[in-house]
């Protein structure tokens, strides 16, 4: 867990950047990440040196060749501020941009990276503060990075906003990534941002498959094939790539790609069909893409006919000609079609969608829901509280869990009406669990469980514990793992099963309110004469009070 001291150190570093002229939060995180990355490279180099000395073997894989030895963090951190500034800006920064070779994916992301620290004094202060942060613990690195990302207080363009870490971890816990030889998962996020889903998956795999990771074939898969990310924002790609490398994934696939476009970037892979076994995503909401920019098969999946006709021309009030906008399609629907295309048969997905996807009445909405339910297997719909994404957005959302089968298989769909996530549902998102230090959002996942008991060991469901009304996540995880016992639950409870026939008869509506039964308590009111008598008595008391006040004046 990130301690208060470390939080204060990060806040102090942030303040130095801010007062030093780097005021854009994304830019602060980028510059912060560059310096963390430089420090991490020196640590890796030092560990390799020690290992070669211990094994009495030649040091064959240095990160910093002998001619670049002065580029190392522990070499330049004590230099005169101006000398250090010139060295880092003119030598070290260009060096890390090609750390894995000039033709690597990482180098492509870094090609337009800019060193934005304006003054030697600012760099000197930041380097000294970062040097004091203990980075030996892997969890500390993750929490430190997540705390930095939590400082992004505004959403990006095209509906992008940060997914809370505890929601990410809940989705990872429910999908359970595997590392087991040829059964290992190949994980992807087609709208990756800072790679939060991949980071949580990496942490889960390291924890659950610690022994398996020691095997050479599993280690090779883990470092080179397991984690894949795509985005069309170069800032996010750079942060995501460095984030994964800081967490110890040596060669993640983090690539620039407009996943929805019919025109790709010429890297030889025109389509990503049947490639991944697990997809975790929070794709952009509220965006739209014109038909002529889309991959035709995505339109076909939504029941639309791809057309490449020239745009129609119309005239305005002044007689000037202007191109008429062609039809467009919503990004959240397109991403669902894309994810179905990207998954291997048997592959599974957990995708956050706005509520409109669940009950929208357009042809596209119905077609994508029909495809998931009838052509594949819809496993679950978890409805999230409407304030989960505040302060970025107040949109109501849900998580769809489904498996690609190409042959149907949906029989009963598990619904969960999640009403609390451990934080207030306003813009402040204040932690609600008392007596538990919540430095990062992920700390709320197990906050309501008895000490030293796992979800499998507890004898009563988390919904029976006192903190359930403040945080439903432990109950979601518990009931998901024990869902074989959920068939007896009634529609008045938070979780229940709905037969596929009922969903089909309701035009494939997946809104939980369509199926949940609400029990209203009968309220008895007094007779009108009794209420009127009570009002008269109150009025008389008020009149007497006013008269007493007048007498005192």
Protein backbone atom coordinates (compact mmCIF):
# COMPACT_ATOMS: atom_id res chain seq x y z
CA UNK A 1 0.00 0.00 0.00
CA UNK A 2 1.20 3.52 -0.78
CA UNK A 3 1.89 5.21 2.54
CA UNK A 4 1.08 8.78 3.48
CA UNK A 5 4.77 9.62 3.32
CA UNK A 6 5.05 8.42 -0.28
CA UNK A 7 1.88 10.27 -1.21
CA UNK A 8 3.37 13.44 0.19
CA UNK A 9 6.58 12.84 -1.79
CA UNK A 10 4.59 12.46 -5.02
CA UNK A 11 2.57 15.58 -4.21
CA UNK A 12 5.80 17.48 -3.61
CA UNK A 13 7.24 16.34 -6.95
CA UNK A 14 3.99 17.32 -8.67
CA UNK A 15 4.20 20.77 -7.05
CA UNK A 16 7.77 21.25 -8.29
CA UNK A 17 6.69 20.47 -11.85
CA UNK A 18 3.66 22.74 -11.54
CA UNK A 19 5.56 25.74 -10.17
CA UNK A 20 8.40 25.08 -12.61
CA UNK A 21 6.15 25.64 -15.63
CA UNK A 22 4.96 22.11 -16.50
CA UNK A 23 1.23 22.53 -15.80
CA UNK A 24 -0.55 20.03 -18.06
CA UNK A 25 -1.26 16.90 -15.93
CA UNK A 26 -0.50 14.56 -18.86
CA UNK A 27 2.83 16.35 -19.41
CA UNK A 28 3.69 16.11 -15.70
CA UNK A 29 3.00 12.36 -15.72
CA UNK A 30 5.05 11.92 -18.92
CA UNK A 31 8.06 13.80 -17.54
CA UNK A 32 7.72 12.02 -14.19
CA UNK A 33 7.59 8.68 -16.02
CA UNK A 34 10.68 9.45 -18.12
CA UNK A 35 12.71 10.05 -14.96
CA UNK A 36 11.29 6.97 -13.19
CA UNK A 37 12.16 4.99 -16.32
CA UNK A 38 15.74 6.29 -16.37
CA UNK A 39 16.13 5.35 -12.71
CA UNK A 40 14.63 1.90 -13.32
CA UNK A 41 17.01 1.26 -16.24
CA UNK A 42 19.95 1.96 -13.93
CA UNK A 43 18.53 -0.45 -11.33
CA UNK A 44 18.13 -3.20 -13.95
CA UNK A 45 21.69 -2.58 -15.20
CA UNK A 46 23.02 -2.78 -11.62
CA UNK A 47 21.15 -6.04 -10.94
CA UNK A 48 22.57 -7.58 -14.12
CA UNK A 49 26.06 -6.51 -13.05
CA UNK A 50 25.63 -8.14 -9.65
CA UNK A 51 24.26 -11.31 -11.20
CA UNK A 52 27.23 -11.65 -13.56
CA UNK A 53 29.65 -11.12 -10.66
CA UNK A 54 27.81 -13.70 -8.57
CA UNK A 55 27.90 -16.24 -11.40
CA UNK A 56 31.45 -15.23 -12.30
CA UNK A 57 30.38 -14.80 -15.91
CA UNK A 58 30.93 -12.09 -18.49
CA UNK A 59 28.60 -9.08 -18.36
CA UNK A 60 27.08 -9.51 -21.82
CA UNK A 61 23.80 -7.59 -21.73
CA UNK A 62 24.45 -4.11 -20.30
CA UNK A 63 21.77 -1.47 -20.75
CA UNK A 64 24.40 1.25 -20.58
CA UNK A 65 27.53 0.43 -22.64
CA UNK A 66 30.82 1.56 -21.14
CA UNK A 67 30.86 4.70 -23.32
CA UNK A 68 27.45 5.66 -21.91
CA UNK A 69 28.19 4.84 -18.28
CA UNK A 70 27.75 8.48 -17.25
CA UNK A 71 24.11 8.32 -18.46
CA UNK A 72 23.18 6.19 -15.45
CA UNK A 73 20.97 7.63 -12.73
CA UNK A 74 23.45 7.05 -9.91
CA UNK A 75 26.17 8.77 -11.95
CA UNK A 76 24.43 12.01 -12.88
CA UNK A 77 22.12 12.53 -9.87
CA UNK A 78 24.87 14.22 -7.83
CA UNK A 79 26.22 16.44 -10.61
CA UNK A 80 26.00 20.22 -10.61
CA UNK A 81 22.38 21.13 -11.60
CA UNK A 82 23.30 22.81 -14.89
CA UNK A 83 25.72 20.03 -15.88
CA UNK A 84 23.08 17.40 -15.04
CA UNK A 85 20.41 19.33 -16.98
CA UNK A 86 22.55 19.53 -20.13
CA UNK A 87 23.51 15.85 -19.87
CA UNK A 88 19.96 14.57 -19.34
CA UNK A 89 18.42 16.83 -22.00
CA UNK A 90 21.07 16.34 -24.71
CA UNK A 91 22.38 12.83 -24.01
CA UNK A 92 20.35 10.68 -21.60
CA UNK A 93 16.89 11.51 -22.95
CA UNK A 94 17.81 10.80 -26.62
CA UNK A 95 19.48 7.58 -25.39
CA UNK A 96 16.34 6.18 -23.66
CA UNK A 97 14.26 6.91 -26.76
CA UNK A 98 16.09 4.08 -28.56
CA UNK A 99 16.79 1.85 -25.57
CA UNK A 100 15.62 -1.36 -27.28
CA UNK A 101 16.92 -0.40 -30.70
CA UNK A 102 15.97 2.28 -33.20
CA UNK A 103 13.47 0.06 -35.07
CA UNK A 104 11.49 -1.19 -32.05
CA UNK A 105 7.89 -0.37 -31.20
CA UNK A 106 9.07 1.44 -28.09
CA UNK A 107 11.34 3.68 -30.17
CA UNK A 108 8.40 4.55 -32.44
CA UNK A 109 6.33 5.66 -29.45
CA UNK A 110 9.22 7.73 -28.16
CA UNK A 111 10.09 9.31 -31.53
CA UNK A 112 8.10 12.48 -30.84
CA UNK A 113 8.62 12.49 -27.06
CA UNK A 114 9.79 15.88 -25.78
CA UNK A 115 11.89 16.67 -22.73
CA UNK A 116 9.81 19.52 -21.27
CA UNK A 117 11.55 20.30 -17.96
CA UNK A 118 12.47 23.96 -18.53
CA UNK A 119 15.19 24.70 -15.96
CA UNK A 120 18.15 23.02 -14.29
CA UNK A 121 16.82 23.86 -10.83
CA UNK A 122 13.51 22.09 -11.54
CA UNK A 123 15.27 18.94 -12.77
CA UNK A 124 17.64 18.97 -9.79
CA UNK A 125 14.75 19.18 -7.29
CA UNK A 126 12.74 16.46 -9.03
CA UNK A 127 15.72 14.07 -9.34
CA UNK A 128 16.54 14.51 -5.64
CA UNK A 129 12.92 13.86 -4.64
CA UNK A 130 12.53 10.81 -6.91
CA UNK A 131 15.80 9.40 -5.59
CA UNK A 132 14.33 9.34 -2.07
CA UNK A 133 11.35 7.21 -3.12
CA UNK A 134 11.91 3.53 -2.22
CA UNK A 135 11.15 1.56 -5.41
CA UNK A 136 12.22 -1.94 -4.37
CA UNK A 137 8.68 -3.20 -3.84
CA UNK A 138 6.74 -4.03 -7.01
CA UNK A 139 3.42 -3.13 -5.37
CA UNK A 140 4.79 0.26 -4.40
CA UNK A 141 5.66 0.94 -8.03
CA UNK A 142 2.14 0.08 -9.13
CA UNK A 143 0.47 2.11 -6.40
CA UNK A 144 2.81 5.04 -7.03
CA UNK A 145 1.94 5.06 -10.70
CA UNK A 146 -1.79 4.69 -10.08
CA UNK A 147 -1.67 7.58 -7.62
CA UNK A 148 -0.07 9.75 -10.30
CA UNK A 149 -2.74 8.75 -12.81
CA UNK A 150 -5.47 9.55 -10.28
CA UNK A 151 -4.39 13.18 -10.54
CA UNK A 152 -5.85 13.36 -14.04
CA UNK A 153 -8.92 15.40 -13.16
CA UNK A 154 -10.41 15.86 -16.63
CA UNK A 155 -11.46 13.47 -19.35
CA UNK A 156 -9.66 13.26 -22.64
CA UNK A 157 -11.10 13.58 -26.10
CA UNK A 158 -13.44 11.10 -27.77
CA UNK A 159 -14.98 10.03 -24.46
CA UNK A 160 -11.71 8.81 -22.92
CA UNK A 161 -11.42 8.80 -19.14
CA UNK A 162 -9.52 6.87 -16.57
CA UNK A 163 -11.05 3.62 -15.30
CA UNK A 164 -10.92 3.39 -11.47
CA UNK A 165 -8.35 0.86 -10.40
CA UNK A 166 -10.66 -1.11 -8.11
CA UNK A 167 -13.14 -1.63 -10.96
CA UNK A 168 -10.27 -2.84 -13.18
CA UNK A 169 -9.10 -5.26 -10.50
CA UNK A 170 -12.63 -6.57 -9.99
CA UNK A 171 -12.88 -7.32 -13.72
CA UNK A 172 -9.47 -9.06 -13.69
CA UNK A 173 -10.46 -11.13 -10.64
CA UNK A 174 -13.64 -12.22 -12.42
CA UNK A 175 -11.91 -13.19 -15.70
CA UNK A 176 -8.89 -14.84 -13.99
CA UNK A 177 -6.04 -14.58 -16.56
CA UNK A 178 -4.04 -17.83 -16.91
CA UNK A 179 -0.35 -18.59 -17.34
CA UNK A 180 0.00 -22.31 -18.01
CA UNK A 181 1.96 -23.40 -21.08
CA UNK A 182 -0.21 -23.60 -24.20
CA UNK A 183 -3.27 -22.74 -22.07
CA UNK A 184 -1.85 -19.31 -21.27
CA UNK A 185 -3.95 -16.28 -22.09
CA UNK A 186 -3.07 -13.72 -24.73
CA UNK A 187 -4.56 -10.52 -23.28
CA UNK A 188 -5.48 -7.38 -25.19
CA UNK A 189 -6.98 -3.95 -24.59
CA UNK A 190 -7.96 -2.34 -27.93
CA UNK A 191 -8.44 1.10 -26.32
CA UNK A 192 -5.63 0.87 -23.81
CA UNK A 193 -4.94 4.41 -22.59
CA UNK A 194 -2.28 4.04 -19.89
CA UNK A 195 -2.61 0.21 -19.91
CA UNK A 196 -4.38 -0.05 -16.56
CA UNK A 197 -6.12 -3.32 -17.48
CA UNK A 198 -2.85 -4.91 -18.59
CA UNK A 199 -1.09 -3.71 -15.44
CA UNK A 200 -3.73 -5.27 -13.20
CA UNK A 201 -3.57 -8.48 -15.25
CA UNK A 202 0.22 -8.56 -14.92
CA UNK A 203 -0.03 -8.17 -11.14
CA UNK A 204 -2.68 -10.89 -10.94
CA UNK A 205 -0.62 -13.35 -13.01
CA UNK A 206 2.55 -12.71 -10.99
CA UNK A 207 0.65 -13.35 -7.77
CA UNK A 208 -1.39 -16.38 -8.86
CA UNK A 209 1.23 -18.08 -11.06
CA UNK A 210 4.45 -17.29 -9.22
CA UNK A 211 5.84 -20.82 -9.62
CA UNK A 212 4.70 -21.22 -13.25
CA UNK A 213 6.45 -17.97 -14.15
CA UNK A 214 9.76 -19.62 -13.29
CA UNK A 215 9.39 -22.02 -16.24
CA UNK A 216 11.22 -20.77 -19.38
CA UNK A 217 8.29 -21.22 -21.78
CA UNK A 218 5.91 -19.39 -19.45
CA UNK A 219 8.41 -16.60 -18.84
CA UNK A 220 8.91 -16.21 -22.59
CA UNK A 221 5.15 -15.96 -23.13
CA UNK A 222 4.71 -13.55 -20.21
CA UNK A 223 7.37 -11.09 -21.38
CA UNK A 224 6.77 -11.22 -25.13
CA UNK A 225 3.23 -12.31 -26.06
CA UNK A 226 0.84 -12.09 -23.14
CA UNK A 227 0.17 -8.34 -22.98
CA UNK A 228 -1.07 -6.40 -26.00
CA UNK A 229 -2.39 -2.85 -26.20
CA UNK A 230 -3.63 -0.56 -28.97
CA UNK A 231 -4.51 3.12 -28.92
CA UNK A 232 -4.42 6.13 -31.23
CA UNK A 233 -3.12 8.59 -28.61
CA UNK A 234 0.68 8.70 -28.67
CA UNK A 235 0.87 10.28 -25.19
CA UNK A 236 -1.07 7.36 -23.73
CA UNK A 237 0.99 4.81 -25.67
CA UNK A 238 4.26 6.19 -24.34
CA UNK A 239 3.00 6.21 -20.76
CA UNK A 240 1.51 2.72 -21.19
CA UNK A 241 4.67 1.23 -22.71
CA UNK A 242 6.91 2.66 -19.99
CA UNK A 243 4.38 1.67 -17.33
CA UNK A 244 4.47 -1.99 -18.42
CA UNK A 245 8.26 -1.96 -18.66
CA UNK A 246 8.51 -0.39 -15.19
CA UNK A 247 6.39 -3.29 -13.93
CA UNK A 248 8.83 -5.78 -15.38
CA UNK A 249 7.21 -6.82 -18.68
CA UNK A 250 10.23 -6.75 -20.96
CA UNK A 251 8.67 -6.61 -24.45
CA UNK A 252 4.96 -5.76 -24.32
CA UNK A 253 3.08 -5.11 -27.56
CA UNK A 254 1.92 -1.51 -27.27
CA UNK A 255 1.11 -0.21 -30.73
CA UNK A 256 -0.49 2.74 -32.45
CA UNK A 257 -3.67 1.65 -34.17
CA UNK A 258 -7.02 3.21 -34.90
CA UNK A 259 -8.78 -0.06 -34.16
CA UNK A 260 -12.03 0.87 -35.87
CA UNK A 261 -10.60 2.25 -39.07
CA UNK A 262 -10.59 0.46 -42.41
CA UNK A 263 -7.18 2.01 -43.09
CA UNK A 264 -4.36 0.72 -40.96
CA UNK A 265 -0.82 1.93 -40.56
CA UNK A 266 0.94 -0.38 -42.99
CA UNK A 267 2.51 -2.69 -40.43
CA UNK A 268 1.44 -5.78 -42.32
CA UNK A 269 -1.45 -6.68 -40.02
CA UNK A 270 -4.64 -5.41 -41.62
CA UNK A 271 -6.96 -7.25 -39.25
CA UNK A 272 -6.71 -8.67 -35.77
CA UNK A 273 -9.05 -11.62 -36.17
CA UNK A 274 -9.22 -14.59 -33.76
CA UNK A 275 -6.01 -13.50 -32.07
CA UNK A 276 -6.70 -13.04 -28.35
CA UNK A 277 -8.06 -15.26 -25.58
CA UNK A 278 -8.96 -12.47 -23.14
CA UNK A 279 -9.97 -8.87 -23.80
CA UNK A 280 -10.46 -6.32 -21.03
CA UNK A 281 -11.59 -2.88 -22.13
CA UNK A 282 -13.31 0.38 -21.35
CA UNK A 283 -13.75 1.69 -24.92
CA UNK A 284 -14.61 5.34 -25.65
CA UNK A 285 -18.24 6.37 -25.13
CA UNK A 286 -20.34 8.95 -26.95
CA UNK A 287 -18.09 9.05 -30.01
CA UNK A 288 -19.16 8.33 -33.56
CA UNK A 289 -17.29 7.28 -36.69
CA UNK A 290 -18.40 7.94 -40.26
CA UNK A 291 -19.24 4.88 -42.36
CA UNK A 292 -16.57 5.62 -44.95
CA UNK A 293 -13.85 5.52 -42.26
CA UNK A 294 -14.90 2.19 -40.81
CA UNK A 295 -13.78 -1.34 -41.39
CA UNK A 296 -16.67 -2.85 -43.45
CA UNK A 297 -16.96 -6.02 -41.39
CA UNK A 298 -17.68 -3.97 -38.25
CA UNK A 299 -20.63 -2.34 -40.00
CA UNK A 300 -21.84 -5.72 -41.18
CA UNK A 301 -21.76 -6.97 -37.57
CA UNK A 302 -24.15 -4.16 -36.66
CA UNK A 303 -26.56 -5.09 -39.45
CA UNK A 304 -25.51 -2.20 -41.68
CA UNK A 305 -24.47 -2.29 -45.33
CA UNK A 306 -21.03 -0.73 -45.94
CA UNK A 307 -21.19 1.98 -48.60
CA UNK A 308 -18.33 3.79 -50.23
CA UNK A 309 -20.44 6.23 -52.22
CA UNK A 310 -19.26 9.82 -52.68
CA UNK A 311 -20.70 12.23 -50.10
CA UNK A 312 -23.83 14.05 -51.18
CA UNK A 313 -23.59 17.79 -51.79
CA UNK A 314 -26.15 20.31 -50.56
CA UNK A 315 -26.31 24.12 -50.56
CA UNK A 316 -26.69 26.49 -47.62
CA UNK A 317 -28.89 29.60 -47.41
CA UNK A 318 -26.33 31.65 -49.37
CA UNK A 319 -26.18 29.13 -52.19
CA UNK A 320 -22.74 27.82 -51.22
CA UNK A 321 -22.13 24.13 -51.77
CA UNK A 322 -21.11 21.98 -48.85
CA UNK A 323 -20.62 18.27 -48.38
CA UNK A 324 -23.40 16.60 -46.47
CA UNK A 325 -22.26 14.49 -43.57
CA UNK A 326 -22.73 10.80 -44.20
CA UNK A 327 -24.09 8.30 -41.71
CA UNK A 328 -22.02 7.41 -38.64
CA UNK A 329 -22.02 4.72 -35.96
CA UNK A 330 -21.48 4.86 -32.19
CA UNK A 331 -18.01 3.88 -30.96
CA UNK A 332 -19.26 1.75 -28.06
CA UNK A 333 -21.18 -0.51 -30.45
CA UNK A 334 -18.31 -0.67 -32.93
CA UNK A 335 -15.88 -1.70 -30.20
CA UNK A 336 -18.14 -4.57 -29.15
CA UNK A 337 -18.19 -5.80 -32.76
CA UNK A 338 -14.40 -5.35 -32.92
CA UNK A 339 -13.85 -7.31 -29.70
CA UNK A 340 -15.94 -10.21 -31.02
CA UNK A 341 -13.76 -10.20 -34.15
CA UNK A 342 -10.50 -10.07 -32.17
CA UNK A 343 -11.31 -12.94 -29.79
CA UNK A 344 -10.38 -16.51 -30.53
CA UNK A 345 -13.24 -19.04 -30.31
CA UNK A 346 -13.45 -19.79 -26.60
CA UNK A 347 -11.96 -16.40 -25.77
CA UNK A 348 -13.67 -14.28 -23.15
CA UNK A 349 -14.16 -10.56 -22.63
CA UNK A 350 -15.10 -8.07 -19.92
CA UNK A 351 -16.14 -4.74 -21.40
CA UNK A 352 -17.50 -1.58 -19.77
CA UNK A 353 -20.38 -0.08 -21.76
CA UNK A 354 -22.78 2.84 -21.21
CA UNK A 355 -26.30 1.82 -20.19
CA UNK A 356 -27.64 2.83 -23.59
CA UNK A 357 -25.98 -0.24 -25.10
CA UNK A 358 -28.13 -2.43 -22.85
CA UNK A 359 -31.52 -1.12 -23.92
CA UNK A 360 -30.99 1.03 -27.05
CA UNK A 361 -33.72 0.48 -29.62
CA UNK A 362 -31.83 1.22 -32.86
CA UNK A 363 -31.06 -1.56 -35.31
CA UNK A 364 -27.35 -1.43 -34.40
CA UNK A 365 -28.05 -1.73 -30.66
CA UNK A 366 -30.32 -4.72 -31.16
CA UNK A 367 -28.02 -6.47 -33.64
CA UNK A 368 -24.94 -6.36 -31.41
CA UNK A 369 -26.91 -7.60 -28.38
CA UNK A 370 -28.50 -10.33 -30.50
CA UNK A 371 -25.07 -11.38 -31.79
CA UNK A 372 -23.58 -11.65 -28.30
CA UNK A 373 -26.59 -13.58 -26.95
CA UNK A 374 -27.47 -15.86 -29.86
CA UNK A 375 -24.17 -16.33 -31.74
CA UNK A 376 -21.95 -16.40 -28.64
CA UNK A 377 -22.40 -16.76 -24.87
CA UNK A 378 -23.34 -13.85 -22.64
CA UNK A 379 -22.21 -14.77 -19.13
CA UNK A 380 -23.06 -11.77 -16.97
CA UNK A 381 -24.19 -8.15 -16.77
CA UNK A 382 -22.87 -6.20 -13.76
CA UNK A 383 -24.60 -2.84 -13.38
CA UNK A 384 -22.26 -0.20 -11.90
CA UNK A 385 -23.27 2.77 -9.71
CA UNK A 386 -23.72 5.93 -11.78
CA UNK A 387 -20.99 7.85 -9.93
CA UNK A 388 -18.16 5.35 -10.48
CA UNK A 389 -16.49 7.50 -13.14
CA UNK A 390 -16.84 10.84 -11.40
CA UNK A 391 -15.35 13.44 -11.56
CA UNK A 392 -14.66 12.54 -15.21
CA UNK A 393 -18.22 11.62 -16.16
CA UNK A 394 -21.54 10.81 -14.52
CA UNK A 395 -22.71 8.34 -17.16
CA UNK A 396 -24.40 5.13 -15.97
CA UNK A 397 -22.47 2.04 -17.03
CA UNK A 398 -22.39 -1.74 -16.84
CA UNK A 399 -19.85 -4.50 -17.46
CA UNK A 400 -20.63 -7.18 -20.03
CA UNK A 401 -18.92 -10.55 -19.58
CA UNK A 402 -19.15 -12.80 -22.63
CA UNK A 403 -17.43 -15.71 -24.37
CA UNK A 404 -16.93 -16.05 -28.11
CA UNK A 405 -18.30 -19.40 -29.27
CA UNK A 406 -19.58 -18.82 -32.85
CA UNK A 407 -22.31 -21.32 -31.96
CA UNK A 408 -24.37 -19.70 -29.22
CA UNK A 409 -24.53 -21.16 -25.72
CA UNK A 410 -26.30 -18.46 -23.71
CA UNK A 411 -28.77 -20.16 -21.39
CA UNK A 412 -29.05 -18.09 -18.22
CA UNK A 413 -27.49 -14.64 -17.77
CA UNK A 414 -26.25 -13.58 -14.33
CA UNK A 415 -27.19 -10.05 -13.32
CA UNK A 416 -25.76 -8.06 -10.39
CA UNK A 417 -27.10 -4.69 -9.30
CA UNK A 418 -23.98 -3.09 -7.81
CA UNK A 419 -24.98 -0.06 -5.71
CA UNK A 420 -21.77 0.92 -3.89
CA UNK A 421 -18.05 0.62 -4.60
CA UNK A 422 -16.48 1.85 -1.34
CA UNK A 423 -16.43 5.53 -2.30
CA UNK A 424 -18.95 8.34 -2.27
CA UNK A 425 -20.68 8.69 -5.63
CA UNK A 426 -20.10 12.43 -5.94
CA UNK A 427 -17.22 14.34 -7.53
CA UNK A 428 -15.08 14.02 -4.38
CA UNK A 429 -15.18 10.17 -4.35
CA UNK A 430 -14.44 10.05 -0.62
CA UNK A 431 -13.56 6.61 0.88
CA UNK A 432 -16.48 5.27 2.93
CA UNK A 433 -14.85 2.38 4.80
CA UNK A 434 -13.80 3.67 8.21
CA UNK A 435 -10.69 2.43 9.95
CA UNK A 436 -9.05 1.27 6.72
CA UNK A 437 -6.34 3.32 5.03
CA UNK A 438 -7.39 3.67 1.39
CA UNK A 439 -4.49 5.19 -0.46
CA UNK A 440 -5.34 3.60 -3.77
CA UNK A 441 -8.75 2.55 -4.98
CA UNK A 442 -7.74 -1.12 -5.17
CA UNK A 443 -7.58 -1.29 -1.38
CA UNK A 444 -11.38 -1.41 -1.16
CA UNK A 445 -11.72 -4.81 -2.82
CA UNK A 446 -11.13 -6.91 0.29
CA UNK A 447 -11.87 -4.23 2.88
CA UNK A 448 -15.05 -5.87 4.18
CA UNK A 449 -13.69 -9.41 4.52
CA UNK A 450 -12.70 -10.83 7.92
CA UNK A 451 -8.98 -10.74 8.54
CA UNK A 452 -6.92 -13.52 6.92
CA UNK A 453 -9.90 -15.01 5.08
CA UNK A 454 -10.13 -15.32 1.33
CA UNK A 455 -13.35 -15.18 -0.67
CA UNK A 456 -13.40 -18.97 -0.92
CA UNK A 457 -12.95 -19.46 2.83
CA UNK A 458 -15.57 -17.15 4.27
CA UNK A 459 -18.64 -18.90 5.63
CA UNK A 460 -21.13 -16.12 4.98
CA UNK A 461 -21.57 -13.94 1.92
CA UNK A 462 -20.04 -10.44 2.13
CA UNK A 463 -23.56 -9.04 1.67
CA UNK A 464 -24.23 -10.18 5.26
CA UNK A 465 -21.36 -8.10 6.64
CA UNK A 466 -21.73 -4.59 8.02
CA UNK A 467 -19.76 -2.83 5.27
CA UNK A 468 -21.71 -4.33 2.37
CA UNK A 469 -23.92 -1.26 1.97
CA UNK A 470 -20.74 0.82 1.55
CA UNK A 471 -18.93 -1.54 -0.84
CA UNK A 472 -20.47 -4.32 -2.94
CA UNK A 473 -17.26 -5.46 -4.68
CA UNK A 474 -16.44 -8.34 -2.27
CA UNK A 475 -20.00 -9.63 -2.70
CA UNK A 476 -19.76 -9.38 -6.51
CA UNK A 477 -16.56 -11.47 -6.47
CA UNK A 478 -17.93 -13.96 -3.95
CA UNK A 479 -21.19 -14.55 -5.78
CA UNK A 480 -19.45 -14.75 -9.17
CA UNK A 481 -17.17 -17.50 -7.84
CA UNK A 482 -20.15 -19.25 -6.19
CA UNK A 483 -22.63 -18.55 -9.00
CA UNK A 484 -23.60 -22.22 -9.27
CA UNK A 485 -25.62 -21.48 -6.12
CA UNK A 486 -27.23 -18.31 -7.50
CA UNK A 487 -30.16 -20.00 -9.24
CA UNK A 488 -32.24 -19.88 -6.08
CA UNK A 489 -31.93 -16.11 -5.72
CA UNK A 490 -35.08 -14.08 -6.33
CA UNK A 491 -35.46 -11.01 -8.53
CA UNK A 492 -35.78 -8.81 -5.44
CA UNK A 493 -32.15 -9.48 -4.47
CA UNK A 494 -29.00 -7.81 -5.84
CA UNK A 495 -27.97 -10.78 -7.98
CA UNK A 496 -30.06 -13.30 -9.89
CA UNK A 497 -30.26 -15.34 -13.09
CA UNK A 498 -32.50 -14.52 -16.07
CA UNK A 499 -33.30 -17.22 -18.68
CA UNK A 500 -32.23 -16.37 -22.22
CA UNK A 501 -35.79 -16.93 -23.50
CA UNK A 502 -37.04 -14.07 -21.35
CA UNK A 503 -34.26 -11.77 -22.60
CA UNK A 504 -35.01 -12.69 -26.20
CA UNK A 505 -38.71 -11.98 -25.76
CA UNK A 506 -37.81 -8.54 -24.42
CA UNK A 507 -36.01 -7.58 -27.65
CA UNK A 508 -32.63 -8.55 -26.12
CA UNK A 509 -32.96 -5.84 -23.48
CA UNK A 510 -30.13 -6.23 -20.93
CA UNK A 511 -31.11 -3.45 -18.53
CA UNK A 512 -31.29 -4.85 -15.02
CA UNK A 513 -34.34 -2.71 -14.30
CA UNK A 514 -36.26 -4.73 -16.89
CA UNK A 515 -35.90 -7.88 -14.76
CA UNK A 516 -35.37 -6.70 -11.19
CA UNK A 517 -38.42 -6.74 -8.94
CA UNK A 518 -38.78 -3.95 -6.41
CA UNK A 519 -40.76 -4.60 -3.24
CA UNK A 520 -42.45 -1.50 -1.94
CA UNK A 521 -43.25 -1.29 1.74
CA UNK A 522 -46.84 -0.38 2.48
CA UNK A 523 -47.09 2.96 4.22
CA UNK A 524 -50.14 3.82 6.34
CA UNK A 525 -51.10 7.47 6.57
CA UNK A 526 -53.37 9.16 9.14
CA UNK A 527 -56.86 10.22 8.18
CA UNK A 528 -57.05 13.71 6.61
CA UNK A 529 -58.98 15.04 9.62
CA UNK A 530 -56.16 13.95 11.96
CA UNK A 531 -53.51 15.57 9.75
CA UNK A 532 -55.52 18.84 9.55
CA UNK A 533 -55.94 18.87 13.34
CA UNK A 534 -52.16 18.46 13.74
CA UNK A 535 -51.52 21.34 11.32
CA UNK A 536 -53.93 23.60 13.26
CA UNK A 537 -52.14 22.79 16.54
CA UNK A 538 -48.78 23.65 14.96
CA UNK A 539 -50.23 26.88 13.58
CA UNK A 540 -51.57 27.84 17.00
CA UNK A 541 -48.17 27.18 18.57
CA UNK A 542 -46.52 29.40 15.94
CA UNK A 543 -49.04 32.19 16.53
CA UNK A 544 -48.45 32.03 20.29
CA UNK A 545 -44.67 32.15 19.75
CA UNK A 546 -44.97 35.23 17.54
CA UNK A 547 -47.23 36.95 20.12
CA UNK A 548 -44.69 36.19 22.89
CA UNK A 549 -41.88 37.70 20.81
CA UNK A 550 -43.91 40.86 20.14
CA UNK A 551 -44.57 41.24 23.86
CA UNK A 552 -40.80 41.13 24.54
CA UNK A 553 -40.06 44.02 22.13
